Structures are given as C-alpha cells and as structure tokens.
Amino acid sequence: MRGWEKVESRIVLRPELAPALEGLAGHSRVIVVFWMHQVPDLARRRVQHHLHGDESLPAKGDLATKSQNRPNPIGVSAVELLKVEPPELVVRGLDAINGTPVLDIKPYIPDYDSFPDAAVPPWVYGRFSDGD
C-alpha cells in the first residue's frame, strides 16, 4: 500500500458532468479509472521488475503487480467516497498524482465488486520461497 490508503483527494469533473454524480452520495466507495499520464515510455516497454526495486527478490511480470509502470498505463482504484460536492468528489485512497486524468467513476457495489474468497500468491504479502 505504501501510504496511499490515507491520502485524501479531490476529483474535479467538468461542470457539465455534475448531473452525472446524482445518486452517488450514499455509496461508501467508488471505483476510479484513470490514465497514468506521467509513466515514461521506457517504463511502458518494461514487462517485469523486481518488487520495490529489490533485486534479491524474484522478478514478477508487470501485469501481476500493482505497479504504475504498465504497457497500458490505466489505473483502477477502489476508494473511499468521503463527500459528493458536484462537480467534485472527495475520496480517500486514490493512488494517483495531482493532475492525473480521470477516465471514469463507478459505484462500488459489494455484490458485484467483492470476492472474499479471492486467492493471491504469497509473494503479494512479502512471503517468498523457492519458485516464487
């Protein structure tokens, strides 16, 4: 997570999109889709990396990680919705930098967006063994 979960952000929509926020208040979370516009071309060509830059750890494919360095730098974050103030939203946990273009916002609906039985490999939580 590296601290993003505590960051509060303001998403500012074009004024003509303010009516599109009607009904969003009352949701505790939203999914934000954004374009990571400052990912350098060189990073977009990379396909693997060592987690946290630690070369003692096994390399992982960029599509298997949450890295911002991706072949197609589209970011997706499920964030806490703190306030709806059309044409703006206040959220917590958005892992994007100031000025990042937002492509879409969707309500987070647990029945559709949550998978409590989802599995992840041990390395996701920093547990490595041979073969990871």
N, C-alpha and C. Protein backbone atom coordinates (compact mmCIF):
# COMPACT_ATOMS: atom_id res chain seq x y z
N MET A 1 0.81 -1.20 0.00
CA MET A 1 0.00 0.00 0.00
C MET A 1 0.85 1.26 0.00
N ARG A 2 1.90 1.30 0.74
CA ARG A 2 2.84 2.41 0.73
C ARG A 2 2.21 3.77 1.04
N GLY A 3 1.15 3.83 1.85
CA GLY A 3 0.63 5.10 2.33
C GLY A 3 -0.50 5.73 1.55
N TRP A 4 -0.81 5.25 0.34
CA TRP A 4 -1.88 5.85 -0.45
C TRP A 4 -3.23 5.74 0.22
N GLU A 5 -3.41 4.71 1.04
CA GLU A 5 -4.73 4.48 1.65
C GLU A 5 -5.16 5.62 2.56
N LYS A 6 -4.25 6.50 2.96
CA LYS A 6 -4.58 7.61 3.85
C LYS A 6 -4.74 8.95 3.13
N VAL A 7 -4.38 8.99 1.86
CA VAL A 7 -4.37 10.25 1.12
C VAL A 7 -5.80 10.63 0.72
N GLU A 8 -6.18 11.87 1.03
CA GLU A 8 -7.46 12.41 0.58
C GLU A 8 -7.24 13.19 -0.70
N SER A 9 -8.12 12.99 -1.67
CA SER A 9 -8.00 13.64 -2.97
C SER A 9 -9.34 14.23 -3.37
N ARG A 10 -9.26 15.25 -4.20
CA ARG A 10 -10.44 15.88 -4.76
C ARG A 10 -10.42 15.60 -6.26
N ILE A 11 -11.48 14.97 -6.75
CA ILE A 11 -11.64 14.71 -8.18
C ILE A 11 -12.57 15.78 -8.72
N VAL A 12 -12.09 16.55 -9.67
CA VAL A 12 -12.85 17.66 -10.22
C VAL A 12 -13.31 17.29 -11.63
N LEU A 13 -14.62 17.23 -11.82
CA LEU A 13 -15.19 16.93 -13.13
C LEU A 13 -15.48 18.22 -13.88
N ARG A 14 -15.64 18.10 -15.18
CA ARG A 14 -16.11 19.26 -15.95
C ARG A 14 -17.50 19.63 -15.43
N PRO A 15 -17.81 20.92 -15.33
CA PRO A 15 -19.10 21.35 -14.76
C PRO A 15 -20.31 20.69 -15.41
N GLU A 16 -20.27 20.45 -16.72
CA GLU A 16 -21.43 19.85 -17.38
C GLU A 16 -21.65 18.39 -16.97
N LEU A 17 -20.68 17.78 -16.30
CA LEU A 17 -20.83 16.40 -15.82
C LEU A 17 -21.39 16.33 -14.41
N ALA A 18 -21.59 17.46 -13.74
CA ALA A 18 -22.11 17.46 -12.37
C ALA A 18 -23.39 16.63 -12.22
N PRO A 19 -24.35 16.72 -13.15
CA PRO A 19 -25.56 15.89 -13.00
C PRO A 19 -25.29 14.39 -13.01
N ALA A 20 -24.15 13.97 -13.58
CA ALA A 20 -23.81 12.54 -13.62
C ALA A 20 -23.51 12.00 -12.22
N LEU A 21 -23.28 12.88 -11.25
CA LEU A 21 -22.99 12.45 -9.88
C LEU A 21 -24.27 12.20 -9.07
N GLU A 22 -25.41 12.55 -9.62
CA GLU A 22 -26.68 12.36 -8.91
C GLU A 22 -26.87 10.89 -8.55
N GLY A 23 -27.10 10.62 -7.27
CA GLY A 23 -27.30 9.26 -6.78
C GLY A 23 -26.04 8.61 -6.25
N LEU A 24 -24.89 9.26 -6.43
CA LEU A 24 -23.64 8.66 -5.96
C LEU A 24 -23.46 8.82 -4.45
N ALA A 25 -23.98 9.92 -3.89
CA ALA A 25 -23.91 10.11 -2.44
C ALA A 25 -24.62 8.93 -1.77
N GLY A 26 -24.09 8.47 -0.69
CA GLY A 26 -24.65 7.30 -0.01
C GLY A 26 -23.83 6.05 -0.25
N HIS A 27 -23.07 6.03 -1.34
CA HIS A 27 -22.11 4.94 -1.57
C HIS A 27 -20.90 5.21 -0.69
N SER A 28 -20.35 4.19 -0.08
CA SER A 28 -19.16 4.39 0.75
C SER A 28 -17.88 4.30 -0.06
N ARG A 29 -17.94 3.67 -1.22
CA ARG A 29 -16.76 3.52 -2.07
C ARG A 29 -17.14 3.68 -3.52
N VAL A 30 -16.15 4.12 -4.30
CA VAL A 30 -16.29 4.20 -5.75
C VAL A 30 -15.04 3.61 -6.39
N ILE A 31 -15.19 3.21 -7.64
CA ILE A 31 -14.06 2.73 -8.43
C ILE A 31 -13.68 3.87 -9.37
N VAL A 32 -12.41 4.25 -9.32
CA VAL A 32 -11.91 5.33 -10.17
C VAL A 32 -10.97 4.73 -11.21
N VAL A 33 -11.25 5.02 -12.47
CA VAL A 33 -10.41 4.58 -13.59
C VAL A 33 -9.68 5.83 -14.09
N PHE A 34 -8.35 5.74 -14.20
CA PHE A 34 -7.58 6.93 -14.57
C PHE A 34 -6.43 6.58 -15.49
N TRP A 35 -5.91 7.61 -16.17
CA TRP A 35 -4.79 7.46 -17.10
C TRP A 35 -3.53 7.95 -16.42
N MET A 36 -2.57 7.05 -16.23
CA MET A 36 -1.31 7.41 -15.57
C MET A 36 -0.41 8.10 -16.59
N HIS A 37 -0.69 9.38 -16.78
CA HIS A 37 -0.13 10.17 -17.87
C HIS A 37 1.37 10.47 -17.75
N GLN A 38 1.96 10.23 -16.60
CA GLN A 38 3.38 10.53 -16.45
C GLN A 38 4.26 9.28 -16.44
N VAL A 39 3.71 8.14 -16.80
CA VAL A 39 4.53 6.93 -16.91
C VAL A 39 5.40 7.08 -18.16
N PRO A 40 6.72 7.04 -18.00
CA PRO A 40 7.61 7.23 -19.16
C PRO A 40 7.51 6.08 -20.16
N ASP A 41 7.80 6.39 -21.41
CA ASP A 41 7.75 5.37 -22.47
C ASP A 41 8.62 4.16 -22.15
N LEU A 42 9.81 4.39 -21.60
CA LEU A 42 10.70 3.28 -21.25
C LEU A 42 10.02 2.34 -20.25
N ALA A 43 9.34 2.89 -19.26
CA ALA A 43 8.65 2.06 -18.26
C ALA A 43 7.48 1.31 -18.88
N ARG A 44 6.87 1.87 -19.90
CA ARG A 44 5.75 1.20 -20.58
C ARG A 44 6.23 0.00 -21.39
N ARG A 45 7.51 0.00 -21.77
CA ARG A 45 8.06 -1.12 -22.55
C ARG A 45 8.56 -2.24 -21.65
N ARG A 46 8.74 -1.95 -20.37
CA ARG A 46 9.22 -2.96 -19.43
C ARG A 46 8.10 -3.98 -19.19
N VAL A 47 8.44 -5.24 -19.01
CA VAL A 47 7.41 -6.26 -18.77
C VAL A 47 7.57 -6.97 -17.44
N GLN A 48 8.74 -6.84 -16.80
CA GLN A 48 8.98 -7.44 -15.49
C GLN A 48 9.80 -6.47 -14.64
N HIS A 49 9.69 -6.65 -13.32
CA HIS A 49 10.53 -5.88 -12.41
C HIS A 49 10.68 -6.62 -11.09
N HIS A 50 11.69 -6.22 -10.35
CA HIS A 50 11.90 -6.74 -9.00
C HIS A 50 11.07 -5.88 -8.06
N LEU A 51 10.26 -6.49 -7.23
CA LEU A 51 9.37 -5.75 -6.33
C LEU A 51 10.14 -4.76 -5.48
N HIS A 52 9.64 -3.56 -5.42
CA HIS A 52 10.22 -2.48 -4.62
C HIS A 52 11.67 -2.20 -5.01
N GLY A 53 12.07 -2.59 -6.24
CA GLY A 53 13.43 -2.37 -6.70
C GLY A 53 14.47 -3.25 -6.05
N ASP A 54 14.04 -4.26 -5.32
CA ASP A 54 14.95 -5.14 -4.58
C ASP A 54 15.34 -6.32 -5.47
N GLU A 55 16.54 -6.28 -6.03
CA GLU A 55 16.98 -7.32 -6.95
C GLU A 55 17.22 -8.67 -6.29
N SER A 56 17.17 -8.73 -4.95
CA SER A 56 17.27 -10.03 -4.29
C SER A 56 15.93 -10.78 -4.34
N LEU A 57 14.88 -10.07 -4.70
CA LEU A 57 13.56 -10.70 -4.83
C LEU A 57 13.35 -11.15 -6.27
N PRO A 58 12.58 -12.22 -6.46
CA PRO A 58 12.33 -12.70 -7.82
C PRO A 58 11.60 -11.64 -8.65
N ALA A 59 11.94 -11.54 -9.93
CA ALA A 59 11.23 -10.63 -10.83
C ALA A 59 9.81 -11.15 -11.05
N LYS A 60 8.88 -10.20 -11.15
CA LYS A 60 7.48 -10.52 -11.41
C LYS A 60 7.04 -9.76 -12.66
N GLY A 61 6.08 -10.31 -13.37
CA GLY A 61 5.52 -9.64 -14.54
C GLY A 61 4.75 -8.40 -14.12
N ASP A 62 4.89 -7.33 -14.87
CA ASP A 62 4.22 -6.08 -14.52
C ASP A 62 2.69 -6.24 -14.44
N LEU A 63 2.12 -7.13 -15.22
CA LEU A 63 0.67 -7.34 -15.16
C LEU A 63 0.24 -8.14 -13.94
N ALA A 64 1.21 -8.69 -13.20
CA ALA A 64 0.91 -9.44 -11.97
C ALA A 64 1.07 -8.55 -10.74
N THR A 65 1.40 -7.28 -10.94
CA THR A 65 1.64 -6.38 -9.82
C THR A 65 0.75 -5.14 -9.91
N LYS A 66 0.78 -4.33 -8.88
CA LYS A 66 0.04 -3.06 -8.85
C LYS A 66 0.91 -1.90 -9.31
N SER A 67 2.04 -2.18 -9.91
CA SER A 67 2.98 -1.15 -10.35
C SER A 67 2.31 -0.18 -11.32
N GLN A 68 2.74 1.08 -11.25
CA GLN A 68 2.25 2.08 -12.20
C GLN A 68 2.93 1.93 -13.56
N ASN A 69 4.03 1.22 -13.61
CA ASN A 69 4.74 1.00 -14.87
C ASN A 69 4.12 -0.18 -15.59
N ARG A 70 3.29 0.14 -16.59
CA ARG A 70 2.49 -0.87 -17.27
C ARG A 70 2.52 -0.62 -18.77
N PRO A 71 2.34 -1.66 -19.58
CA PRO A 71 2.29 -1.46 -21.03
C PRO A 71 1.18 -0.48 -21.43
N ASN A 72 0.07 -0.52 -20.74
CA ASN A 72 -1.05 0.39 -20.97
C ASN A 72 -1.35 1.04 -19.62
N PRO A 73 -0.89 2.27 -19.40
CA PRO A 73 -0.94 2.85 -18.05
C PRO A 73 -2.33 3.31 -17.61
N ILE A 74 -3.23 2.36 -17.51
CA ILE A 74 -4.56 2.63 -16.98
C ILE A 74 -4.57 2.21 -15.53
N GLY A 75 -4.97 3.12 -14.65
CA GLY A 75 -5.06 2.83 -13.23
C GLY A 75 -6.50 2.60 -12.82
N VAL A 76 -6.70 1.71 -11.87
CA VAL A 76 -8.03 1.43 -11.32
C VAL A 76 -7.88 1.33 -9.82
N SER A 77 -8.65 2.13 -9.09
CA SER A 77 -8.61 2.10 -7.63
C SER A 77 -10.01 2.10 -7.06
N ALA A 78 -10.24 1.23 -6.09
CA ALA A 78 -11.48 1.27 -5.30
C ALA A 78 -11.18 2.12 -4.09
N VAL A 79 -11.84 3.27 -3.97
CA VAL A 79 -11.50 4.26 -2.95
C VAL A 79 -12.71 4.57 -2.08
N GLU A 80 -12.42 5.11 -0.91
CA GLU A 80 -13.48 5.55 0.00
C GLU A 80 -14.04 6.88 -0.50
N LEU A 81 -15.35 6.96 -0.62
CA LEU A 81 -16.01 8.19 -1.02
C LEU A 81 -16.37 8.98 0.23
N LEU A 82 -15.73 10.12 0.42
CA LEU A 82 -15.94 10.93 1.61
C LEU A 82 -17.04 11.96 1.43
N LYS A 83 -17.12 12.54 0.21
CA LYS A 83 -18.07 13.63 0.01
C LYS A 83 -18.36 13.81 -1.47
N VAL A 84 -19.61 14.11 -1.79
CA VAL A 84 -20.00 14.47 -3.15
C VAL A 84 -20.41 15.93 -3.12
N GLU A 85 -19.64 16.76 -3.84
CA GLU A 85 -19.90 18.19 -3.94
C GLU A 85 -19.85 18.56 -5.42
N PRO A 86 -20.91 18.26 -6.19
CA PRO A 86 -20.85 18.46 -7.64
C PRO A 86 -20.29 19.84 -8.02
N PRO A 87 -19.37 19.86 -8.95
CA PRO A 87 -18.88 18.78 -9.81
C PRO A 87 -17.65 18.07 -9.26
N GLU A 88 -17.52 17.98 -7.93
CA GLU A 88 -16.34 17.37 -7.33
C GLU A 88 -16.69 16.22 -6.40
N LEU A 89 -15.73 15.32 -6.24
CA LEU A 89 -15.80 14.24 -5.26
C LEU A 89 -14.58 14.35 -4.37
N VAL A 90 -14.74 14.02 -3.10
CA VAL A 90 -13.62 13.91 -2.19
C VAL A 90 -13.50 12.44 -1.84
N VAL A 91 -12.30 11.87 -2.06
CA VAL A 91 -12.09 10.44 -1.85
C VAL A 91 -10.84 10.23 -1.02
N ARG A 92 -10.71 9.03 -0.47
CA ARG A 92 -9.50 8.64 0.27
C ARG A 92 -8.98 7.33 -0.32
N GLY A 93 -7.66 7.32 -0.59
CA GLY A 93 -7.02 6.09 -1.05
C GLY A 93 -6.74 6.04 -2.53
N LEU A 94 -6.89 7.14 -3.24
CA LEU A 94 -6.64 7.16 -4.68
C LEU A 94 -5.13 7.21 -4.92
N ASP A 95 -4.59 6.20 -5.57
CA ASP A 95 -3.15 6.14 -5.81
C ASP A 95 -2.80 6.76 -7.16
N ALA A 96 -3.10 8.05 -7.26
CA ALA A 96 -2.80 8.82 -8.46
C ALA A 96 -2.22 10.17 -8.02
N ILE A 97 -1.42 10.76 -8.89
CA ILE A 97 -0.81 12.04 -8.56
C ILE A 97 -1.72 13.19 -9.00
N ASN A 98 -1.44 14.36 -8.46
CA ASN A 98 -2.22 15.55 -8.79
C ASN A 98 -2.18 15.80 -10.30
N GLY A 99 -3.34 16.05 -10.89
CA GLY A 99 -3.43 16.31 -12.31
C GLY A 99 -3.68 15.09 -13.17
N THR A 100 -3.77 13.92 -12.56
CA THR A 100 -4.00 12.69 -13.31
C THR A 100 -5.39 12.72 -13.95
N PRO A 101 -5.50 12.47 -15.26
CA PRO A 101 -6.81 12.46 -15.90
C PRO A 101 -7.66 11.27 -15.43
N VAL A 102 -8.87 11.56 -14.99
CA VAL A 102 -9.82 10.52 -14.58
C VAL A 102 -10.66 10.16 -15.80
N LEU A 103 -10.72 8.87 -16.11
CA LEU A 103 -11.47 8.39 -17.27
C LEU A 103 -12.90 8.02 -16.93
N ASP A 104 -13.12 7.49 -15.72
CA ASP A 104 -14.46 7.05 -15.34
C ASP A 104 -14.53 6.89 -13.83
N ILE A 105 -15.74 6.96 -13.33
CA ILE A 105 -16.05 6.73 -11.91
C ILE A 105 -17.26 5.82 -11.88
N LYS A 106 -17.18 4.77 -11.10
CA LYS A 106 -18.30 3.81 -10.98
C LYS A 106 -18.57 3.56 -9.50
N PRO A 107 -19.81 3.33 -9.14
CA PRO A 107 -20.07 2.99 -7.74
C PRO A 107 -19.52 1.60 -7.44
N TYR A 108 -18.96 1.45 -6.26
CA TYR A 108 -18.50 0.14 -5.79
C TYR A 108 -19.71 -0.55 -5.17
N ILE A 109 -20.08 -1.71 -5.69
CA ILE A 109 -21.23 -2.47 -5.19
C ILE A 109 -20.72 -3.83 -4.75
N PRO A 110 -20.69 -4.08 -3.43
CA PRO A 110 -20.08 -5.32 -2.91
C PRO A 110 -20.58 -6.60 -3.57
N ASP A 111 -21.86 -6.69 -3.89
CA ASP A 111 -22.37 -7.92 -4.50
C ASP A 111 -21.72 -8.21 -5.85
N TYR A 112 -21.24 -7.18 -6.53
CA TYR A 112 -20.61 -7.35 -7.84
C TYR A 112 -19.10 -7.22 -7.80
N ASP A 113 -18.59 -6.39 -6.89
CA ASP A 113 -17.19 -5.99 -6.93
C ASP A 113 -16.31 -6.64 -5.86
N SER A 114 -16.88 -7.44 -4.99
CA SER A 114 -16.11 -8.04 -3.91
C SER A 114 -16.10 -9.57 -4.07
N PHE A 115 -14.94 -10.12 -3.87
CA PHE A 115 -14.78 -11.58 -3.96
C PHE A 115 -14.00 -12.03 -2.73
N PRO A 116 -14.68 -12.25 -1.61
CA PRO A 116 -14.00 -12.58 -0.36
C PRO A 116 -13.14 -13.83 -0.42
N ASP A 117 -13.43 -14.73 -1.34
CA ASP A 117 -12.66 -15.97 -1.44
C ASP A 117 -11.54 -15.88 -2.47
N ALA A 118 -11.25 -14.66 -2.97
CA ALA A 118 -10.19 -14.49 -3.96
C ALA A 118 -8.84 -14.89 -3.37
N ALA A 119 -8.03 -15.55 -4.17
CA ALA A 119 -6.71 -16.00 -3.73
C ALA A 119 -5.63 -15.15 -4.39
N VAL A 120 -4.53 -14.97 -3.69
CA VAL A 120 -3.34 -14.31 -4.24
C VAL A 120 -2.12 -15.13 -3.84
N PRO A 121 -1.05 -15.08 -4.63
CA PRO A 121 0.14 -15.83 -4.26
C PRO A 121 0.80 -15.21 -3.03
N PRO A 122 1.55 -15.99 -2.26
CA PRO A 122 2.17 -15.49 -1.03
C PRO A 122 3.07 -14.28 -1.22
N TRP A 123 3.73 -14.14 -2.39
CA TRP A 123 4.65 -13.02 -2.58
C TRP A 123 3.96 -11.67 -2.54
N VAL A 124 2.65 -11.64 -2.78
CA VAL A 124 1.92 -10.37 -2.74
C VAL A 124 2.06 -9.73 -1.35
N TYR A 125 2.13 -10.56 -0.33
CA TYR A 125 2.25 -10.07 1.03
C TYR A 125 3.69 -10.16 1.57
N GLY A 126 4.65 -10.31 0.63
CA GLY A 126 6.06 -10.29 1.02
C GLY A 126 6.58 -11.63 1.52
N ARG A 127 5.85 -12.71 1.26
CA ARG A 127 6.34 -14.04 1.68
C ARG A 127 6.87 -14.74 0.43
N PHE A 128 8.17 -14.95 0.41
CA PHE A 128 8.82 -15.56 -0.73
C PHE A 128 9.39 -16.92 -0.36
N SER A 129 9.36 -17.82 -1.31
CA SER A 129 10.01 -19.11 -1.15
C SER A 129 10.54 -19.51 -2.51
N ASP A 130 11.27 -20.58 -2.59
CA ASP A 130 11.78 -21.04 -3.88
C ASP A 130 10.62 -21.25 -4.85
N GLY A 131 10.80 -20.79 -6.05
CA GLY A 131 9.77 -20.97 -7.06
C GLY A 131 8.83 -19.79 -7.16
N ASP A 132 8.89 -18.83 -6.21
CA ASP A 132 8.01 -17.65 -6.29
C ASP A 132 8.57 -16.61 -7.22
